C-alpha atoms as a PDB file:
ATOM      1  CA  UNK A   1      75.161  84.651 102.995  1.00  0.00           C
ATOM      2  CA  UNK A   2      76.596  83.240  99.759  1.00  0.00           C
ATOM      3  CA  UNK A   3      76.097  79.589  98.871  1.00  0.00           C
ATOM      4  CA  UNK A   4      79.155  77.638  97.774  1.00  0.00           C
ATOM      5  CA  UNK A   5      79.458  74.264  96.058  1.00  0.00           C
ATOM      6  CA  UNK A   6      82.660  72.190  96.164  1.00  0.00           C
ATOM      7  CA  UNK A   7      83.478  69.821  93.291  1.00  0.00           C
ATOM      8  CA  UNK A   8      86.501  67.740  94.346  1.00  0.00           C
ATOM      9  CA  UNK A   9      87.021  63.981  94.089  1.00  0.00           C
ATOM     10  CA  UNK A  10      89.529  63.755  96.974  1.00  0.00           C
ATOM     11  CA  UNK A  11      87.495  63.615 100.233  1.00  0.00           C
ATOM     12  CA  UNK A  12      90.385  64.993 102.299  1.00  0.00           C
ATOM     13  CA  UNK A  13      90.897  67.993 100.021  1.00  0.00           C
ATOM     14  CA  UNK A  14      87.141  68.576  99.875  1.00  0.00           C
ATOM     15  CA  UNK A  15      87.058  68.650 103.694  1.00  0.00           C
ATOM     16  CA  UNK A  16      89.872  71.214 103.767  1.00  0.00           C
ATOM     17  CA  UNK A  17      88.122  73.363 101.158  1.00  0.00           C
ATOM     18  CA  UNK A  18      84.912  73.251 103.196  1.00  0.00           C
ATOM     19  CA  UNK A  19      86.794  74.212 106.344  1.00  0.00           C
ATOM     20  CA  UNK A  20      88.477  77.140 104.583  1.00  0.00           C
ATOM     21  CA  UNK A  21      85.197  78.395 103.077  1.00  0.00           C
ATOM     22  CA  UNK A  22      83.243  78.219 106.311  1.00  0.00           C
ATOM     23  CA  UNK A  23      85.928  80.085 108.262  1.00  0.00           C
ATOM     24  CA  UNK A  24      84.483  83.152 106.506  1.00  0.00           C
ATOM     25  CA  UNK A  25      81.009  83.932 107.918  1.00  0.00           C
ATOM     26  CA  UNK A  26      79.840  85.323 104.560  1.00  0.00           C
ATOM     27  CA  UNK A  27      79.827  81.830 103.025  1.00  0.00           C
ATOM     28  CA  UNK A  28      78.040  78.528 103.526  1.00  0.00           C
ATOM     29  CA  UNK A  29      78.821  75.250 101.732  1.00  0.00           C
ATOM     30  CA  UNK A  30      75.506  73.975 100.388  1.00  0.00           C
ATOM     31  CA  UNK A  31      76.908  70.905  98.661  1.00  0.00           C
ATOM     32  CA  UNK A  32      80.079  68.908  98.034  1.00  0.00           C
ATOM     33  CA  UNK A  33      80.403  66.483  95.102  1.00  0.00           C
ATOM     34  CA  UNK A  34      83.078  64.097  93.868  1.00  0.00           C
ATOM     35  CA  UNK A  35      82.353  64.633  90.163  1.00  0.00           C
ATOM     36  CA  UNK A  36      81.128  67.437  87.953  1.00  0.00           C
ATOM     37  CA  UNK A  37      78.035  65.621  86.699  1.00  0.00           C
ATOM     38  CA  UNK A  38      76.523  65.410  90.176  1.00  0.00           C
ATOM     39  CA  UNK A  39      77.574  69.002  90.826  1.00  0.00           C
ATOM     40  CA  UNK A  40      75.762  70.239  87.713  1.00  0.00           C
ATOM     41  CA  UNK A  41      72.614  68.309  88.677  1.00  0.00           C
ATOM     42  CA  UNK A  42      72.693  70.061  92.051  1.00  0.00           C
ATOM     43  CA  UNK A  43      73.091  73.536  90.517  1.00  0.00           C
ATOM     44  CA  UNK A  44      70.181  72.949  88.124  1.00  0.00           C
ATOM     45  CA  UNK A  45      67.935  72.192  91.093  1.00  0.00           C
ATOM     46  CA  UNK A  46      69.413  74.655  93.567  1.00  0.00           C
ATOM     47  CA  UNK A  47      71.601  77.462  92.129  1.00  0.00           C
ATOM     48  CA  UNK A  48      74.701  78.522  94.050  1.00  0.00           C
ATOM     49  CA  UNK A  49      76.775  81.698  94.029  1.00  0.00           C
ATOM     50  CA  UNK A  50      80.269  80.218  93.876  1.00  0.00           C
ATOM     51  CA  UNK A  51      81.891  76.917  92.872  1.00  0.00           C
ATOM     52  CA  UNK A  52      85.242  75.666  94.193  1.00  0.00           C
ATOM     53  CA  UNK A  53      86.344  73.412  91.336  1.00  0.00           C
ATOM     54  CA  UNK A  54      89.070  70.816  90.767  1.00  0.00           C
ATOM     55  CA  UNK A  55      90.290  70.032  87.247  1.00  0.00           C
ATOM     56  CA  UNK A  56      91.176  66.328  87.443  1.00  0.00           C
ATOM     57  CA  UNK A  57      87.918  64.485  88.179  1.00  0.00           C
ATOM     58  CA  UNK A  58      86.049  61.353  87.082  1.00  0.00           C
ATOM     59  CA  UNK A  59      83.242  61.521  84.484  1.00  0.00           C
ATOM     60  CA  UNK A  60      84.215  65.014  83.299  1.00  0.00           C
ATOM     61  CA  UNK A  61      87.196  67.272  83.861  1.00  0.00           C
ATOM     62  CA  UNK A  62      87.058  70.886  85.008  1.00  0.00           C
ATOM     63  CA  UNK A  63      86.939  72.297  81.471  1.00  0.00           C
ATOM     64  CA  UNK A  64      83.979  70.102  80.501  1.00  0.00           C
ATOM     65  CA  UNK A  65      82.247  71.206  83.698  1.00  0.00           C
ATOM     66  CA  UNK A  66      82.779  74.885  82.814  1.00  0.00           C
ATOM     67  CA  UNK A  67      81.474  74.365  79.276  1.00  0.00           C
ATOM     68  CA  UNK A  68      78.252  72.864  80.602  1.00  0.00           C
ATOM     69  CA  UNK A  69      78.024  75.440  83.379  1.00  0.00           C
ATOM     70  CA  UNK A  70      78.108  78.170  80.726  1.00  0.00           C
ATOM     71  CA  UNK A  71      74.803  76.880  79.352  1.00  0.00           C
ATOM     72  CA  UNK A  72      72.930  77.576  82.581  1.00  0.00           C
ATOM     73  CA  UNK A  73      70.734  80.642  82.860  1.00  0.00           C
ATOM     74  CA  UNK A  74      72.193  81.633  86.237  1.00  0.00           C
ATOM     75  CA  UNK A  75      75.920  80.960  86.154  1.00  0.00           C
ATOM     76  CA  UNK A  76      77.917  81.022  89.421  1.00  0.00           C
ATOM     77  CA  UNK A  77      81.469  82.315  89.736  1.00  0.00           C
ATOM     78  CA  UNK A  78      84.211  79.681  89.802  1.00  0.00           C
ATOM     79  CA  UNK A  79      87.485  79.455  91.726  1.00  0.00           C
ATOM     80  CA  UNK A  80      89.801  76.702  90.502  1.00  0.00           C
ATOM     81  CA  UNK A  81      91.575  74.776  93.278  1.00  0.00           C
ATOM     82  CA  UNK A  82      93.679  72.194  91.503  1.00  0.00           C
ATOM     83  CA  UNK A  83      97.081  70.613  90.936  1.00  0.00           C
ATOM     84  CA  UNK A  84      96.762  71.313  87.191  1.00  0.00           C
ATOM     85  CA  UNK A  85      99.390  73.911  86.315  1.00  0.00           C
ATOM     86  CA  UNK A  86     100.309  73.050  82.720  1.00  0.00           C
ATOM     87  CA  UNK A  87     100.420  76.169  80.541  1.00  0.00           C
ATOM     88  CA  UNK A  88      97.711  75.106  78.105  1.00  0.00           C
ATOM     89  CA  UNK A  89      95.391  73.915  80.863  1.00  0.00           C
ATOM     90  CA  UNK A  90      95.758  77.134  82.847  1.00  0.00           C
ATOM     91  CA  UNK A  91      95.317  79.220  79.691  1.00  0.00           C
ATOM     92  CA  UNK A  92      92.165  77.342  78.740  1.00  0.00           C
ATOM     93  CA  UNK A  93      90.584  77.573  82.187  1.00  0.00           C
ATOM     94  CA  UNK A  94      91.339  81.282  82.536  1.00  0.00           C
ATOM     95  CA  UNK A  95      89.892  81.793  79.066  1.00  0.00           C
ATOM     96  CA  UNK A  96      86.747  79.993  80.204  1.00  0.00           C
ATOM     97  CA  UNK A  97      86.175  82.767  82.731  1.00  0.00           C
ATOM     98  CA  UNK A  98      87.232  81.426  86.132  1.00  0.00           C
ATOM     99  CA  UNK A  99      87.612  84.303  88.564  1.00  0.00           C
ATOM    100  CA  UNK A 100      90.675  82.911  90.378  1.00  0.00           C
ATOM    101  CA  UNK A 101      93.114  80.014  90.115  1.00  0.00           C
ATOM    102  CA  UNK A 102      94.831  78.345  93.090  1.00  0.00           C
ATOM    103  CA  UNK A 103      97.435  75.627  92.576  1.00  0.00           C
ATOM    104  CA  UNK A 104      97.706  72.936  95.254  1.00  0.00           C
ATOM    105  CA  UNK A 105      99.231  73.084  97.760  1.00  0.00           C
ATOM    106  CA  UNK A 106      98.408  76.627  98.851  1.00  0.00           C
ATOM    107  CA  UNK A 107      98.099  78.508 102.113  1.00  0.00           C
ATOM    108  CA  UNK A 108      94.844  79.632 103.689  1.00  0.00           C
ATOM    109  CA  UNK A 109      95.722  83.309 103.216  1.00  0.00           C
ATOM    110  CA  UNK A 110      95.709  82.820  99.434  1.00  0.00           C
ATOM    111  CA  UNK A 111      92.359  81.020  99.573  1.00  0.00           C
ATOM    112  CA  UNK A 112      90.953  83.810 101.721  1.00  0.00           C
ATOM    113  CA  UNK A 113      92.088  86.441  99.186  1.00  0.00           C
ATOM    114  CA  UNK A 114      90.134  84.602  96.491  1.00  0.00           C
ATOM    115  CA  UNK A 115      87.000  84.683  98.647  1.00  0.00           C
ATOM    116  CA  UNK A 116      87.513  88.372  99.457  1.00  0.00           C
ATOM    117  CA  UNK A 117      87.846  89.142  95.741  1.00  0.00           C
ATOM    118  CA  UNK A 118      84.499  87.417  95.179  1.00  0.00           C
ATOM    119  CA  UNK A 119      82.946  89.573  97.909  1.00  0.00           C
ATOM    120  CA  UNK A 120      84.366  92.740  96.319  1.00  0.00           C
ATOM    121  CA  UNK A 121      82.842  91.751  93.006  1.00  0.00           C
ATOM    122  CA  UNK A 122      79.427  91.147  94.578  1.00  0.00           C
ATOM    123  CA  UNK A 123      79.601  94.460  96.417  1.00  0.00           C
ATOM    124  CA  UNK A 124      80.477  96.476  93.314  1.00  0.00           C
ATOM    125  CA  UNK A 125      78.383  94.676  90.703  1.00  0.00           C
ATOM    126  CA  UNK A 126      75.373  93.763  92.795  1.00  0.00           C
ATOM    127  CA  UNK A 127      74.072  97.284  93.354  1.00  0.00           C
ATOM    128  CA  UNK A 128      71.900  97.604  90.257  1.00  0.00           C
ATOM    129  CA  UNK A 129      72.489  99.820  87.237  1.00  0.00           C
ATOM    130  CA  UNK A 130      75.078 102.533  87.874  1.00  0.00           C
ATOM    131  CA  UNK A 131      78.415 103.763  86.575  1.00  0.00           C
ATOM    132  CA  UNK A 132      81.624 102.450  88.115  1.00  0.00           C
ATOM    133  CA  UNK A 133      84.645 104.662  88.702  1.00  0.00           C
ATOM    134  CA  UNK A 134      88.102 103.643  87.498  1.00  0.00           C
ATOM    135  CA  UNK A 135      89.182 102.894  91.073  1.00  0.00           C
ATOM    136  CA  UNK A 136      86.156 100.616  91.545  1.00  0.00           C
ATOM    137  CA  UNK A 137      86.919  98.773  88.318  1.00  0.00           C
ATOM    138  CA  UNK A 138      90.536  98.410  89.453  1.00  0.00           C
ATOM    139  CA  UNK A 139      89.301  96.708  92.607  1.00  0.00           C
ATOM    140  CA  UNK A 140      87.726  94.030  90.395  1.00  0.00           C
ATOM    141  CA  UNK A 141      91.084  93.192  88.818  1.00  0.00           C
ATOM    142  CA  UNK A 142      93.004  90.909  91.227  1.00  0.00           C
ATOM    143  CA  UNK A 143      96.416  91.409  89.616  1.00  0.00           C
ATOM    144  CA  UNK A 144      96.205  95.193  89.575  1.00  0.00           C
ATOM    145  CA  UNK A 145      94.766  95.360  93.084  1.00  0.00           C
ATOM    146  CA  UNK A 146      97.539  93.142  94.454  1.00  0.00           C
ATOM    147  CA  UNK A 147     100.234  95.166  92.676  1.00  0.00           C
ATOM    148  CA  UNK A 148      98.933  98.434  94.078  1.00  0.00           C
ATOM    149  CA  UNK A 149      98.453  97.064  97.583  1.00  0.00           C
ATOM    150  CA  UNK A 150     102.206  96.702  98.187  1.00  0.00           C
ATOM    151  CA  UNK A 151     103.375  95.158 101.465  1.00  0.00           C
ATOM    152  CA  UNK A 152     100.650  93.910 103.786  1.00  0.00           C
ATOM    153  CA  UNK A 153      99.455  96.554 106.236  1.00  0.00           C
ATOM    154  CA  UNK A 154      97.902  96.079 109.628  1.00  0.00           C
ATOM    155  CA  UNK A 155      94.245  95.435 108.958  1.00  0.00           C
ATOM    156  CA  UNK A 156      91.580  97.531 110.585  1.00  0.00           C
ATOM    157  CA  UNK A 157      90.841  96.273 114.081  1.00  0.00           C
ATOM    158  CA  UNK A 158      94.192  94.524 114.596  1.00  0.00           C
ATOM    159  CA  UNK A 159      96.281  95.721 117.534  1.00  0.00           C
ATOM    160  CA  UNK A 160     100.080  95.761 117.635  1.00  0.00           C
ATOM    161  CA  UNK A 161     100.106  94.652 121.278  1.00  0.00           C
ATOM    162  CA  UNK A 162      97.967  91.591 120.527  1.00  0.00           C
ATOM    163  CA  UNK A 163     100.056  90.774 117.474  1.00  0.00           C
ATOM    164  CA  UNK A 164     103.231  90.960 119.550  1.00  0.00           C
ATOM    165  CA  UNK A 165     101.738  88.623 122.184  1.00  0.00           C
ATOM    166  CA  UNK A 166     101.012  85.977 119.548  1.00  0.00           C
ATOM    167  CA  UNK A 167     104.336  86.566 117.813  1.00  0.00           C
ATOM    168  CA  UNK A 168     106.316  86.194 121.037  1.00  0.00           C
ATOM    169  CA  UNK A 169     104.607  82.925 121.957  1.00  0.00           C
ATOM    170  CA  UNK A 170     105.256  81.432 118.512  1.00  0.00           C
ATOM    171  CA  UNK A 171     108.847  82.698 118.530  1.00  0.00           C
ATOM    172  CA  UNK A 172     109.500  80.957 121.817  1.00  0.00           C
ATOM    173  CA  UNK A 173     108.205  77.697 120.327  1.00  0.00           C
ATOM    174  CA  UNK A 174     109.417  78.065 116.744  1.00  0.00           C
ATOM    175  CA  UNK A 175     110.316  74.384 116.557  1.00  0.00           C
ATOM    176  CA  UNK A 176     106.619  73.472 116.866  1.00  0.00           C
ATOM    177  CA  UNK A 177     103.446  73.912 114.841  1.00  0.00           C
ATOM    178  CA  UNK A 178     100.142  74.959 116.400  1.00  0.00           C
ATOM    179  CA  UNK A 179      96.481  75.084 115.484  1.00  0.00           C
ATOM    180  CA  UNK A 180      94.685  78.378 116.045  1.00  0.00           C
ATOM    181  CA  UNK A 181      92.823  76.694 118.916  1.00  0.00           C
ATOM    182  CA  UNK A 182      96.103  75.765 120.639  1.00  0.00           C
ATOM    183  CA  UNK A 183      97.470  79.292 120.282  1.00  0.00           C
ATOM    184  CA  UNK A 184      94.207  80.734 121.593  1.00  0.00           C
ATOM    185  CA  UNK A 185      94.383  78.540 124.689  1.00  0.00           C
ATOM    186  CA  UNK A 186      97.970  79.541 125.454  1.00  0.00           C
ATOM    187  CA  UNK A 187      97.628  83.322 124.969  1.00  0.00           C
ATOM    188  CA  UNK A 188      94.060  83.512 126.371  1.00  0.00           C
ATOM    189  CA  UNK A 189      92.348  84.925 123.307  1.00  0.00           C
ATOM    190  CA  UNK A 190      89.387  83.669 121.276  1.00  0.00           C
ATOM    191  CA  UNK A 191      89.900  81.366 118.299  1.00  0.00           C
ATOM    192  CA  UNK A 192      88.229  83.933 116.024  1.00  0.00           C
ATOM    193  CA  UNK A 193      90.712  86.587 117.155  1.00  0.00           C
ATOM    194  CA  UNK A 194      93.686  84.268 116.654  1.00  0.00           C
ATOM    195  CA  UNK A 195      92.583  83.418 113.120  1.00  0.00           C
ATOM    196  CA  UNK A 196      92.518  87.083 112.145  1.00  0.00           C
ATOM    197  CA  UNK A 197      96.065  87.592 113.392  1.00  0.00           C
ATOM    198  CA  UNK A 198      97.545  84.404 111.938  1.00  0.00           C
ATOM    199  CA  UNK A 199      96.020  85.292 108.559  1.00  0.00           C
ATOM    200  CA  UNK A 200      97.836  88.624 108.716  1.00  0.00           C
ATOM    201  CA  UNK A 201     101.079  86.894 109.735  1.00  0.00           C
ATOM    202  CA  UNK A 202     100.709  84.516 106.783  1.00  0.00           C
ATOM    203  CA  UNK A 203     100.408  87.481 104.430  1.00  0.00           C
ATOM    204  CA  UNK A 204     103.595  89.023 105.833  1.00  0.00           C
ATOM    205  CA  UNK A 205     105.356  85.613 105.574  1.00  0.00           C
ATOM    206  CA  UNK A 206     106.150  85.650 109.290  1.00  0.00           C
ATOM    207  CA  UNK A 207     104.542  82.239 109.705  1.00  0.00           C
ATOM    208  CA  UNK A 208     103.744  79.345 107.391  1.00  0.00           C
ATOM    209  CA  UNK A 209     100.792  76.991 107.425  1.00  0.00           C
ATOM    210  CA  UNK A 210     100.264  73.341 106.645  1.00  0.00           C
ATOM    211  CA  UNK A 211      97.600  70.677 106.918  1.00  0.00           C
ATOM    212  CA  UNK A 212      97.666  67.945 109.550  1.00  0.00           C
ATOM    213  CA  UNK A 213      95.857  64.874 108.200  1.00  0.00           C
ATOM    214  CA  UNK A 214      96.565  62.727 111.271  1.00  0.00           C
ATOM    215  CA  UNK A 215      94.003  64.209 113.623  1.00  0.00           C
ATOM    216  CA  UNK A 216      91.647  61.240 113.408  1.00  0.00           C
ATOM    217  CA  UNK A 217      88.822  63.505 112.255  1.00  0.00           C
ATOM    218  CA  UNK A 218      88.696  66.617 110.103  1.00  0.00           C
ATOM    219  CA  UNK A 219      92.101  67.868 108.886  1.00  0.00           C
ATOM    220  CA  UNK A 220      93.474  70.768 110.920  1.00  0.00           C
ATOM    221  CA  UNK A 221      95.480  73.811 109.851  1.00  0.00           C
ATOM    222  CA  UNK A 222      98.853  74.107 111.609  1.00  0.00           C
ATOM    223  CA  UNK A 223     100.937  77.293 111.898  1.00  0.00           C
ATOM    224  CA  UNK A 224     104.681  77.592 112.482  1.00  0.00           C
ATOM    225  CA  UNK A 225     106.798  80.692 113.095  1.00  0.00           C
ATOM    226  CA  UNK A 226     109.629  81.271 110.587  1.00  0.00           C
ATOM    227  CA  UNK A 227     110.353  84.997 111.095  1.00  0.00           C
ATOM    228  CA  UNK A 228     110.774  87.564 108.353  1.00  0.00           C
END
């Protein structure tokens, strides 16, 4: 399991990031901090594999964090999750070596792709000293991999019949938004199963997602059918 640290000064956004990360069983959030200074102190004591980083923060911004992170002996990968989309800021952060860059607001499917790209990198580069083929190197390049992937295909293990069941229910209630738990209850499938299918439907733009902050507890992800 890979250890993830979240550095985000907005508690609500940090909670959403944690929820997104821990929906993937390969990851565990080992710490969440509201400023980069505390985050760096944590990494020095207990190294992590991946950092989910905001740019606009108190005490130090995302670039200052990356500059200090670069001085550590064991440097984790970094995914930016931020509202900062000015050309010079993006250019500087990409030049500092972040592995992916997500601009708020974004959908879970995009966040999941960033995590999957991290897993691909670990799989290909974590196997000791060996030569990589061109196709393996291509898999490490998100832009090239996405361009070659083309339209989203049915993922392994997904069934057309199950997809149609979920699709039909959401079509019949297209004026409403649902959590994965609510869909699971109505179509009599597990929440884990529903999440796999709604992630696919997000990739094909058949549904859209949003965040409900009015749940009284942790924010929940809501899905709504929009068709193709």
